[in-house]
Amino acid sequence: MEIFRSKIVIYGLAACVIAAGVYLYISREDSSALLMATETTTGTAGSNLVAALSNLQGVKLNNAIFSDPVFRGLSDFGAAIPAQPIGRNNPFAPLAPGTSPAASSVDVREVLSL
């Protein structure tokens, strides 16, 4: 019983310390400082974007890799995805009485032909 009581006291003190830390952290922040920090980072983000775009304009791409025999020898290992039926237009709508969920599904080809 004594061990149980000491654990409760320790957990209670730890919770109080954490709550006090969170309170001090939240009360320390100033909203006007956050607004000023946001305004200054927006300006630097714009200048960083302009610098990155100017660096990209100087990039020259070499298309010789596409005529390389090694590149032409590459093969596609992708698998064809078979057409599968899709669900109802509104999956959260209640089913009509007497219908099963499988009967209310729509085939993909029907949707794509519209």
Foldseek 3Di string as FASTA:
>chain_A
DVVVVVVVVVVVVVVVVVVVVVVCVVVPDDVVVVVVVVVVVVVVVVVVVVVVVVVVVPDDDDPVVCVDVVNVPDDDPDDDDDWDWAFAPDPPDDDDPPDDRVVRTGTPVVVVVD
